[in-house]
């Protein structure tokens, strides 16, 4: 692997990038130095500038990603689009990180647990990757680390791999036996299992057993379904945006009419895949649900959140908490209740890299915490995923004491 900065021209490109970062990010971000001092961040950029001539391109990108992420704002990060990826999809379940999708030729490691990369334990790898991911809590890391583990340039830039085109990964199969596999990187365009984003998706080909509701219609921004056997309407809100093929305002009107006119005893709003957009779009729905006494009562209204509930998706969850008697179930959110947002970005000159940054601070909760923690914490296990079960919905349907002290204050 050759050095990126072999020539003066190469080095000059990256010197200009560092100058642009030093100039533009503090100017554009609403409060870049809220966690680290200006002196510390400027000193680190100066040290990177001195080290540039001996660094490879992937190492420079990793160093820039680490510097941007160190600001401590999960919205302020380096967008580092991969050209190649390993032909696997990984997800961090309660028991560990598992292979949920594998390209042809690697089917024997599907549903195996990842334990080592190039002889290094997965805990050591996780610590190294943590530095390049902008985050405010461990749940956002659990969402993103598996996505970074299949990106060769990231692993190479962090010094984990000598050759980004191939990697030795060691897994444990369902019988807990070790399986070591040499995995070759593929261009993104040739990789059949690269989703281009994090999160959990159905396996393909799908098993005869139907997917659980939380993985049904995974690519749709919003949808709902009536579950007559339980008197429930299940509403999955995956993105805070308007789908022109199914405008959100008419979709909301239709769902509200159904809630009023049908025999519905329970409404479940699932936000666990929602990592943002425009939080204002759902406010009319929240206001109307607040006035529906047959669902806005203890045990009649549930909101599901998780590690992917972030930014505007998390803000909508907090609005349900303030306005209604919803009980929250799932994992702590990847987003921080009080933090920075309203994101914009700029391109680093001479590269295909972008830096996103926050332009506003939002205080959405009276409590200061790194995550919004639901009333009932229920984590997804790999066993439940493998057997097409949803422990969160199971908990809701089996709830015997749907009451919280919070409801006394809202009475």
Protein backbone atom coordinates (compact mmCIF):
# COMPACT_ATOMS: atom_id res chain seq x y z
CA UNK A 1 0.00 0.00 0.00
CA UNK A 2 1.62 3.26 -1.08
CA UNK A 3 1.68 6.47 0.92
CA UNK A 4 -0.90 9.07 -0.05
CA UNK A 5 1.54 11.89 0.65
CA UNK A 6 4.45 10.69 -1.49
CA UNK A 7 4.47 13.95 -3.44
CA UNK A 8 4.33 17.55 -2.36
CA UNK A 9 1.05 17.94 -4.27
CA UNK A 10 -0.59 15.17 -2.26
CA UNK A 11 0.53 16.71 1.00
CA UNK A 12 -0.67 20.16 -0.08
CA UNK A 13 -4.19 18.80 -0.64
CA UNK A 14 -4.37 17.57 2.94
CA UNK A 15 -2.72 20.68 4.38
CA UNK A 16 -5.50 22.65 2.69
CA UNK A 17 -8.12 20.29 4.14
CA UNK A 18 -6.79 20.79 7.66
CA UNK A 19 -6.73 24.56 7.17
CA UNK A 20 -10.33 24.43 5.96
CA UNK A 21 -11.38 22.36 8.98
CA UNK A 22 -9.63 24.71 11.41
CA UNK A 23 -11.30 27.71 9.79
CA UNK A 24 -14.78 26.49 8.84
CA UNK A 25 -15.96 24.04 11.49
CA UNK A 26 -15.61 26.46 14.46
CA UNK A 27 -17.25 29.20 12.39
CA UNK A 28 -20.20 27.09 11.25
CA UNK A 29 -20.91 25.00 14.36
CA UNK A 30 -23.11 26.70 16.94
CA UNK A 31 -20.75 25.77 19.80
CA UNK A 32 -17.92 23.50 18.69
CA UNK A 33 -15.87 23.78 21.88
CA UNK A 34 -18.58 22.80 24.37
CA UNK A 35 -16.68 19.63 25.36
CA UNK A 36 -13.05 20.18 24.32
CA UNK A 37 -11.14 23.44 24.52
CA UNK A 38 -10.13 25.36 21.43
CA UNK A 39 -6.48 25.01 22.46
CA UNK A 40 -6.69 21.21 22.68
CA UNK A 41 -8.43 20.82 19.32
CA UNK A 42 -6.11 23.24 17.55
CA UNK A 43 -3.06 21.51 19.05
CA UNK A 44 -4.28 18.14 17.79
CA UNK A 45 -4.75 19.51 14.25
CA UNK A 46 -1.24 20.96 14.37
CA UNK A 47 0.18 17.57 15.38
CA UNK A 48 -1.72 15.93 12.53
CA UNK A 49 -0.34 18.50 10.11
CA UNK A 50 3.21 17.66 11.17
CA UNK A 51 2.60 13.92 10.74
CA UNK A 52 0.99 14.16 7.28
CA UNK A 53 4.03 13.39 5.07
CA UNK A 54 4.39 9.88 6.51
CA UNK A 55 0.71 8.94 6.54
CA UNK A 56 -1.43 6.89 4.17
CA UNK A 57 -4.72 8.24 2.87
CA UNK A 58 -6.79 5.93 5.07
CA UNK A 59 -4.79 7.00 8.14
CA UNK A 60 -5.39 10.67 7.36
CA UNK A 61 -9.13 10.10 6.98
CA UNK A 62 -9.26 8.17 10.24
CA UNK A 63 -7.36 10.95 12.03
CA UNK A 64 -9.73 13.60 10.66
CA UNK A 65 -12.77 11.49 11.61
CA UNK A 66 -11.37 11.10 15.13
CA UNK A 67 -10.73 14.83 15.44
CA UNK A 68 -14.24 15.79 14.29
CA UNK A 69 -15.88 13.14 16.49
CA UNK A 70 -13.93 14.33 19.53
CA UNK A 71 -16.11 17.45 19.62
CA UNK A 72 -18.69 15.24 21.35
CA UNK A 73 -21.70 16.08 19.17
CA UNK A 74 -23.22 13.03 17.48
CA UNK A 75 -24.43 15.16 14.57
CA UNK A 76 -20.95 16.55 13.87
CA UNK A 77 -18.96 13.94 11.98
CA UNK A 78 -16.89 13.10 8.95
CA UNK A 79 -18.92 11.41 6.20
CA UNK A 80 -16.50 8.90 4.79
CA UNK A 81 -18.22 7.00 2.00
CA UNK A 82 -16.65 3.58 1.33
CA UNK A 83 -15.56 2.40 -2.10
CA UNK A 84 -15.17 -1.20 -0.95
CA UNK A 85 -16.78 -3.20 1.84
CA UNK A 86 -16.63 -6.73 3.16
CA UNK A 87 -19.60 -8.79 1.92
CA UNK A 88 -21.25 -9.14 5.33
CA UNK A 89 -23.85 -7.32 7.37
CA UNK A 90 -23.39 -7.31 11.14
CA UNK A 91 -25.63 -6.38 14.06
CA UNK A 92 -24.89 -5.98 17.77
CA UNK A 93 -27.43 -8.04 19.71
CA UNK A 94 -27.59 -8.44 23.50
CA UNK A 95 -25.24 -11.44 23.25
CA UNK A 96 -22.73 -9.82 20.88
CA UNK A 97 -22.11 -9.01 17.21
CA UNK A 98 -23.54 -11.49 14.70
CA UNK A 99 -23.57 -11.94 10.93
CA UNK A 100 -27.12 -11.23 9.75
CA UNK A 101 -26.39 -11.26 5.99
CA UNK A 102 -23.61 -12.89 3.97
CA UNK A 103 -22.89 -12.78 0.24
CA UNK A 104 -22.62 -16.01 -1.80
CA UNK A 105 -19.55 -17.94 -0.78
CA UNK A 106 -19.82 -16.89 2.85
CA UNK A 107 -23.13 -18.51 3.75
CA UNK A 108 -21.45 -20.81 6.27
CA UNK A 109 -20.75 -17.86 8.59
CA UNK A 110 -24.32 -16.55 8.50
CA UNK A 111 -25.73 -16.29 12.05
CA UNK A 112 -22.25 -16.71 13.57
CA UNK A 113 -20.88 -14.44 16.29
CA UNK A 114 -17.83 -12.30 15.47
CA UNK A 115 -15.06 -12.69 18.09
CA UNK A 116 -11.76 -11.65 16.42
CA UNK A 117 -10.38 -9.60 13.54
CA UNK A 118 -6.82 -10.38 12.45
CA UNK A 119 -6.19 -12.10 15.76
CA UNK A 120 -7.40 -9.15 17.85
CA UNK A 121 -10.35 -9.59 20.19
CA UNK A 122 -13.54 -7.82 19.20
CA UNK A 123 -13.50 -5.72 22.39
CA UNK A 124 -10.12 -4.25 21.39
CA UNK A 125 -11.43 -3.52 17.88
CA UNK A 126 -14.55 -1.85 19.28
CA UNK A 127 -12.42 0.50 21.39
CA UNK A 128 -10.37 1.53 18.35
CA UNK A 129 -13.43 2.20 16.18
CA UNK A 130 -15.19 4.14 18.94
CA UNK A 131 -12.81 7.06 18.40
CA UNK A 132 -13.89 7.73 14.80
CA UNK A 133 -17.64 7.58 15.48
CA UNK A 134 -19.37 10.77 16.61
CA UNK A 135 -21.53 9.69 19.55
CA UNK A 136 -22.99 10.77 22.86
CA UNK A 137 -23.87 7.39 24.36
CA UNK A 138 -23.07 3.70 24.07
CA UNK A 139 -26.30 2.88 22.21
CA UNK A 140 -25.33 4.96 19.19
CA UNK A 141 -22.01 3.10 19.21
CA UNK A 142 -23.84 -0.24 19.32
CA UNK A 143 -25.79 0.93 16.29
CA UNK A 144 -22.75 2.08 14.29
CA UNK A 145 -19.77 -0.09 15.22
CA UNK A 146 -21.04 -3.15 13.27
CA UNK A 147 -21.42 -0.93 10.19
CA UNK A 148 -17.80 0.26 10.47
CA UNK A 149 -16.47 -3.26 11.01
CA UNK A 150 -17.13 -4.14 7.36
CA UNK A 151 -15.37 -1.05 5.97
CA UNK A 152 -11.79 -1.94 4.95
CA UNK A 153 -10.48 1.60 4.74
CA UNK A 154 -11.58 2.37 8.29
CA UNK A 155 -9.90 -0.74 9.69
CA UNK A 156 -6.76 -0.04 7.65
CA UNK A 157 -6.69 3.61 8.72
CA UNK A 158 -6.86 2.56 12.36
CA UNK A 159 -3.92 0.18 11.92
CA UNK A 160 -6.03 -2.93 12.44
CA UNK A 161 -5.32 -4.32 8.97
CA UNK A 162 -2.07 -4.32 6.96
CA UNK A 163 -4.00 -5.02 3.74
CA UNK A 164 -7.51 -3.55 3.41
CA UNK A 165 -8.45 -5.86 0.54
CA UNK A 166 -8.65 -8.89 2.80
CA UNK A 167 -9.19 -9.68 6.44
CA UNK A 168 -9.17 -12.70 8.72
CA UNK A 169 -12.31 -12.80 10.83
CA UNK A 170 -12.96 -15.41 13.48
CA UNK A 171 -16.50 -16.36 14.43
CA UNK A 172 -18.24 -18.79 16.73
CA UNK A 173 -20.96 -20.83 15.09
CA UNK A 174 -24.22 -21.87 16.72
CA UNK A 175 -22.35 -24.80 18.30
CA UNK A 176 -19.83 -22.30 19.74
CA UNK A 177 -17.03 -23.71 17.61
CA UNK A 178 -14.46 -21.23 16.19
CA UNK A 179 -14.55 -20.57 12.44
CA UNK A 180 -11.82 -18.42 10.86
CA UNK A 181 -12.49 -17.05 7.39
CA UNK A 182 -10.41 -15.01 4.93
CA UNK A 183 -12.82 -12.37 3.64
CA UNK A 184 -12.12 -10.28 0.54
CA UNK A 185 -13.37 -6.72 0.08
CA UNK A 186 -15.68 -5.99 -2.83
CA UNK A 187 -16.62 -2.72 -4.55
CA UNK A 188 -19.87 -1.41 -3.10
CA UNK A 189 -21.53 -1.77 -6.51
CA UNK A 190 -20.76 -5.51 -6.52
CA UNK A 191 -21.73 -6.24 -2.93
CA UNK A 192 -25.16 -7.82 -2.71
CA UNK A 193 -25.52 -7.39 1.07
CA UNK A 194 -24.27 -3.83 1.56
CA UNK A 195 -27.24 -1.83 2.84
CA UNK A 196 -25.37 1.49 2.86
CA UNK A 197 -26.73 2.21 6.32
CA UNK A 198 -26.92 0.74 9.77
CA UNK A 199 -29.75 -0.98 11.51
CA UNK A 200 -31.45 -4.34 11.35
CA UNK A 201 -33.06 -5.70 8.18
CA UNK A 202 -34.83 -8.96 7.27
CA UNK A 203 -32.71 -11.87 6.16
CA UNK A 204 -32.90 -13.07 2.55
CA UNK A 205 -34.09 -15.42 1.37
CA UNK A 206 -36.79 -15.09 3.95
CA UNK A 207 -37.73 -18.11 6.02
CA UNK A 208 -41.22 -19.66 5.78
CA UNK A 209 -41.98 -18.03 9.14
CA UNK A 210 -43.23 -14.46 8.52
CA UNK A 211 -41.06 -11.57 9.61
CA UNK A 212 -42.09 -9.93 12.91
CA UNK A 213 -43.83 -6.60 12.62
CA UNK A 214 -40.72 -4.59 13.48
CA UNK A 215 -38.99 -5.89 10.30
CA UNK A 216 -42.07 -5.81 8.07
CA UNK A 217 -42.13 -3.04 5.43
CA UNK A 218 -38.69 -2.03 6.69
CA UNK A 219 -38.03 0.24 3.71
CA UNK A 220 -41.22 2.29 4.09
CA UNK A 221 -41.05 5.61 5.99
CA UNK A 222 -44.38 4.97 7.74
CA UNK A 223 -47.22 2.47 7.79
CA UNK A 224 -49.79 1.02 10.18
CA UNK A 225 -51.68 -2.21 10.62
CA UNK A 226 -54.75 -3.22 12.61
CA UNK A 227 -54.27 -6.28 14.84
CA UNK A 228 -57.90 -7.19 15.59
CA UNK A 229 -57.11 -10.15 17.86
CA UNK A 230 -55.56 -7.76 20.39
CA UNK A 231 -57.60 -4.63 19.62
CA UNK A 232 -54.37 -2.90 18.62
CA UNK A 233 -53.20 -0.51 15.93
CA UNK A 234 -49.47 -0.82 15.29
CA UNK A 235 -47.94 2.29 13.68
CA UNK A 236 -44.32 2.14 12.53
CA UNK A 237 -42.77 5.56 11.94
CA UNK A 238 -39.34 4.94 10.40
CA UNK A 239 -38.38 8.40 9.16
CA UNK A 240 -39.52 11.94 9.91
CA UNK A 241 -40.19 12.84 6.31
CA UNK A 242 -42.99 13.19 3.80
CA UNK A 243 -43.33 10.43 1.20
CA UNK A 244 -44.76 12.02 -1.96
CA UNK A 245 -46.25 8.68 -3.02
CA UNK A 246 -48.18 8.53 0.27
CA UNK A 247 -48.33 12.07 1.71
CA UNK A 248 -47.96 12.09 5.46
CA UNK A 249 -50.83 14.49 6.16
CA UNK A 250 -53.38 12.30 4.38
CA UNK A 251 -51.84 9.17 5.91
CA UNK A 252 -52.25 10.71 9.39
CA UNK A 253 -55.87 11.72 8.70
CA UNK A 254 -56.67 8.20 7.55
CA UNK A 255 -55.08 6.62 10.60
CA UNK A 256 -56.78 9.03 13.00
CA UNK A 257 -60.15 8.29 11.41
CA UNK A 258 -59.52 4.57 11.84
CA UNK A 259 -58.59 5.08 15.49
CA UNK A 260 -61.80 7.00 16.11
CA UNK A 261 -64.20 4.79 14.19
CA UNK A 262 -62.88 1.27 14.83
CA UNK A 263 -62.85 -0.97 17.86
CA UNK A 264 -59.33 -0.07 18.98
CA UNK A 265 -58.18 -0.41 22.57
CA UNK A 266 -54.45 0.05 22.15
CA UNK A 267 -52.13 2.13 19.96
CA UNK A 268 -48.45 1.22 19.58
CA UNK A 269 -46.09 3.72 17.92
CA UNK A 270 -42.79 2.12 16.90
CA UNK A 271 -39.90 4.61 16.59
CA UNK A 272 -37.06 2.13 16.97
CA UNK A 273 -35.83 2.53 13.34
CA UNK A 274 -36.32 6.31 13.23
CA UNK A 275 -33.08 8.32 13.16
CA UNK A 276 -34.46 11.67 12.22
CA UNK A 277 -35.73 14.24 9.77
CA UNK A 278 -38.33 16.89 10.61
CA UNK A 279 -39.86 16.39 14.06
CA UNK A 280 -42.65 18.88 13.33
CA UNK A 281 -44.33 16.57 10.83
CA UNK A 282 -45.78 14.25 13.48
CA UNK A 283 -46.96 16.94 15.89
CA UNK A 284 -50.57 17.05 14.53
CA UNK A 285 -50.85 13.29 15.14
CA UNK A 286 -49.48 13.62 18.69
CA UNK A 287 -51.98 16.39 19.49
CA UNK A 288 -54.92 14.33 18.25
CA UNK A 289 -53.85 11.18 20.08
CA UNK A 290 -53.56 13.18 23.29
CA UNK A 291 -57.32 13.87 23.07
CA UNK A 292 -58.33 10.24 22.38
CA UNK A 293 -59.33 8.97 25.81
CA UNK A 294 -59.84 5.39 24.63
CA UNK A 295 -56.13 5.05 23.78
CA UNK A 296 -54.45 7.85 25.76
CA UNK A 297 -54.67 5.99 29.05
CA UNK A 298 -52.43 3.64 31.05
CA UNK A 299 -52.07 0.48 28.97
CA UNK A 300 -53.73 2.00 25.92
CA UNK A 301 -50.71 3.79 24.45
CA UNK A 302 -47.18 2.51 24.00
CA UNK A 303 -44.14 4.01 22.26
CA UNK A 304 -41.21 1.80 21.25
CA UNK A 305 -37.73 3.33 21.08
CA UNK A 306 -34.22 1.97 20.56
CA UNK A 307 -30.63 2.65 19.60
CA UNK A 308 -31.67 3.99 16.18
CA UNK A 309 -34.15 6.44 17.70
CA UNK A 310 -32.13 9.57 17.10
CA UNK A 311 -32.48 13.29 16.43
CA UNK A 312 -36.02 14.16 15.27
CA UNK A 313 -37.19 10.60 15.87
CA UNK A 314 -36.16 10.90 19.50
CA UNK A 315 -37.71 14.37 19.77
CA UNK A 316 -41.06 12.89 18.69
CA UNK A 317 -40.70 10.26 21.40
CA UNK A 318 -40.10 12.96 24.00
CA UNK A 319 -43.17 14.84 22.74
CA UNK A 320 -45.30 11.73 23.32
CA UNK A 321 -43.85 11.52 26.83
CA UNK A 322 -44.75 15.13 27.63
CA UNK A 323 -48.21 15.15 26.02
CA UNK A 324 -49.63 11.68 26.65
CA UNK A 325 -49.81 8.73 29.02
CA UNK A 326 -47.67 6.56 26.80
CA UNK A 327 -45.55 3.81 28.30
CA UNK A 328 -42.13 3.52 26.63
CA UNK A 329 -40.59 0.14 25.89
CA UNK A 330 -37.36 -0.96 24.17
CA UNK A 331 -33.73 0.12 24.36
CA UNK A 332 -32.30 3.49 25.43
CA UNK A 333 -32.14 5.87 22.47
CA UNK A 334 -29.06 6.51 20.36
CA UNK A 335 -29.88 10.21 20.56
CA UNK A 336 -29.35 12.48 23.56
CA UNK A 337 -32.48 14.29 24.81
CA UNK A 338 -30.73 17.64 25.25
CA UNK A 339 -28.17 18.30 22.58
CA UNK A 340 -27.16 19.79 19.28
CA UNK A 341 -28.91 19.39 15.95
CA UNK A 342 -30.43 21.15 12.90
CA UNK A 343 -27.66 19.76 10.72
CA UNK A 344 -25.84 21.23 7.75
CA UNK A 345 -22.66 20.09 5.97
CA UNK A 346 -19.78 21.21 3.78
CA UNK A 347 -17.36 19.38 1.49
CA UNK A 348 -13.65 19.20 2.21
CA UNK A 349 -11.93 20.76 -0.80
CA UNK A 350 -10.21 18.37 -3.19
CA UNK A 351 -11.80 15.27 -1.61
CA UNK A 352 -15.09 13.38 -1.61
CA UNK A 353 -15.38 13.88 2.15
CA UNK A 354 -18.12 15.87 3.88
CA UNK A 355 -18.38 17.18 7.42
CA UNK A 356 -21.78 17.59 9.02
CA UNK A 357 -22.28 20.04 11.89
CA UNK A 358 -24.97 21.33 14.22
CA UNK A 359 -26.43 24.81 14.02
CA UNK A 360 -28.75 24.80 17.07
CA UNK A 361 -28.95 23.50 20.61
CA UNK A 362 -32.18 21.80 21.72
CA UNK A 363 -33.38 21.29 25.27
CA UNK A 364 -36.17 18.74 25.02
CA UNK A 365 -36.10 17.20 28.49
CA UNK A 366 -35.98 18.43 32.05
CA UNK A 367 -33.57 15.58 32.80
CA UNK A 368 -29.93 15.54 31.73
CA UNK A 369 -28.97 12.08 30.47
CA UNK A 370 -26.93 10.64 27.58
CA UNK A 371 -29.96 8.63 26.34
CA UNK A 372 -33.70 8.69 26.77
CA UNK A 373 -34.26 5.50 28.75
CA UNK A 374 -37.66 3.83 28.25
CA UNK A 375 -39.88 2.85 31.17
CA UNK A 376 -39.40 -0.83 30.35
CA UNK A 377 -35.95 -1.73 28.99
CA UNK A 378 -36.23 -4.75 26.68
CA UNK A 379 -33.21 -5.66 24.53
CA UNK A 380 -33.32 -7.76 21.38
CA UNK A 381 -31.48 -11.06 21.65
CA UNK A 382 -29.98 -12.89 18.71
CA UNK A 383 -32.10 -15.92 19.60
CA UNK A 384 -35.29 -13.85 19.32
CA UNK A 385 -34.17 -12.41 15.98
CA UNK A 386 -33.29 -15.84 14.63
CA UNK A 387 -36.71 -17.23 15.63
CA UNK A 388 -38.62 -14.23 14.21
CA UNK A 389 -39.76 -13.01 17.61
CA UNK A 390 -40.08 -9.51 18.99
CA UNK A 391 -39.56 -9.42 22.77
CA UNK A 392 -40.69 -5.79 22.87
CA UNK A 393 -44.16 -6.47 21.46
CA UNK A 394 -44.38 -9.64 23.56
CA UNK A 395 -43.74 -7.52 26.65
CA UNK A 396 -46.44 -5.03 25.67
CA UNK A 397 -49.07 -7.68 25.03
CA UNK A 398 -48.23 -9.43 28.32
CA UNK A 399 -48.10 -6.27 30.45
CA UNK A 400 -50.20 -6.81 33.58
CA UNK A 401 -49.62 -3.55 35.46
CA UNK A 402 -49.62 -0.76 32.86
CA UNK A 403 -49.20 2.11 35.26
CA UNK A 404 -46.43 4.56 36.10
CA UNK A 405 -45.91 7.11 38.86
CA UNK A 406 -45.55 9.68 36.09
CA UNK A 407 -49.25 9.36 35.31
CA UNK A 408 -50.15 10.73 38.74
CA UNK A 409 -48.41 13.97 37.85
CA UNK A 410 -50.23 14.14 34.50
CA UNK A 411 -53.66 13.58 36.01
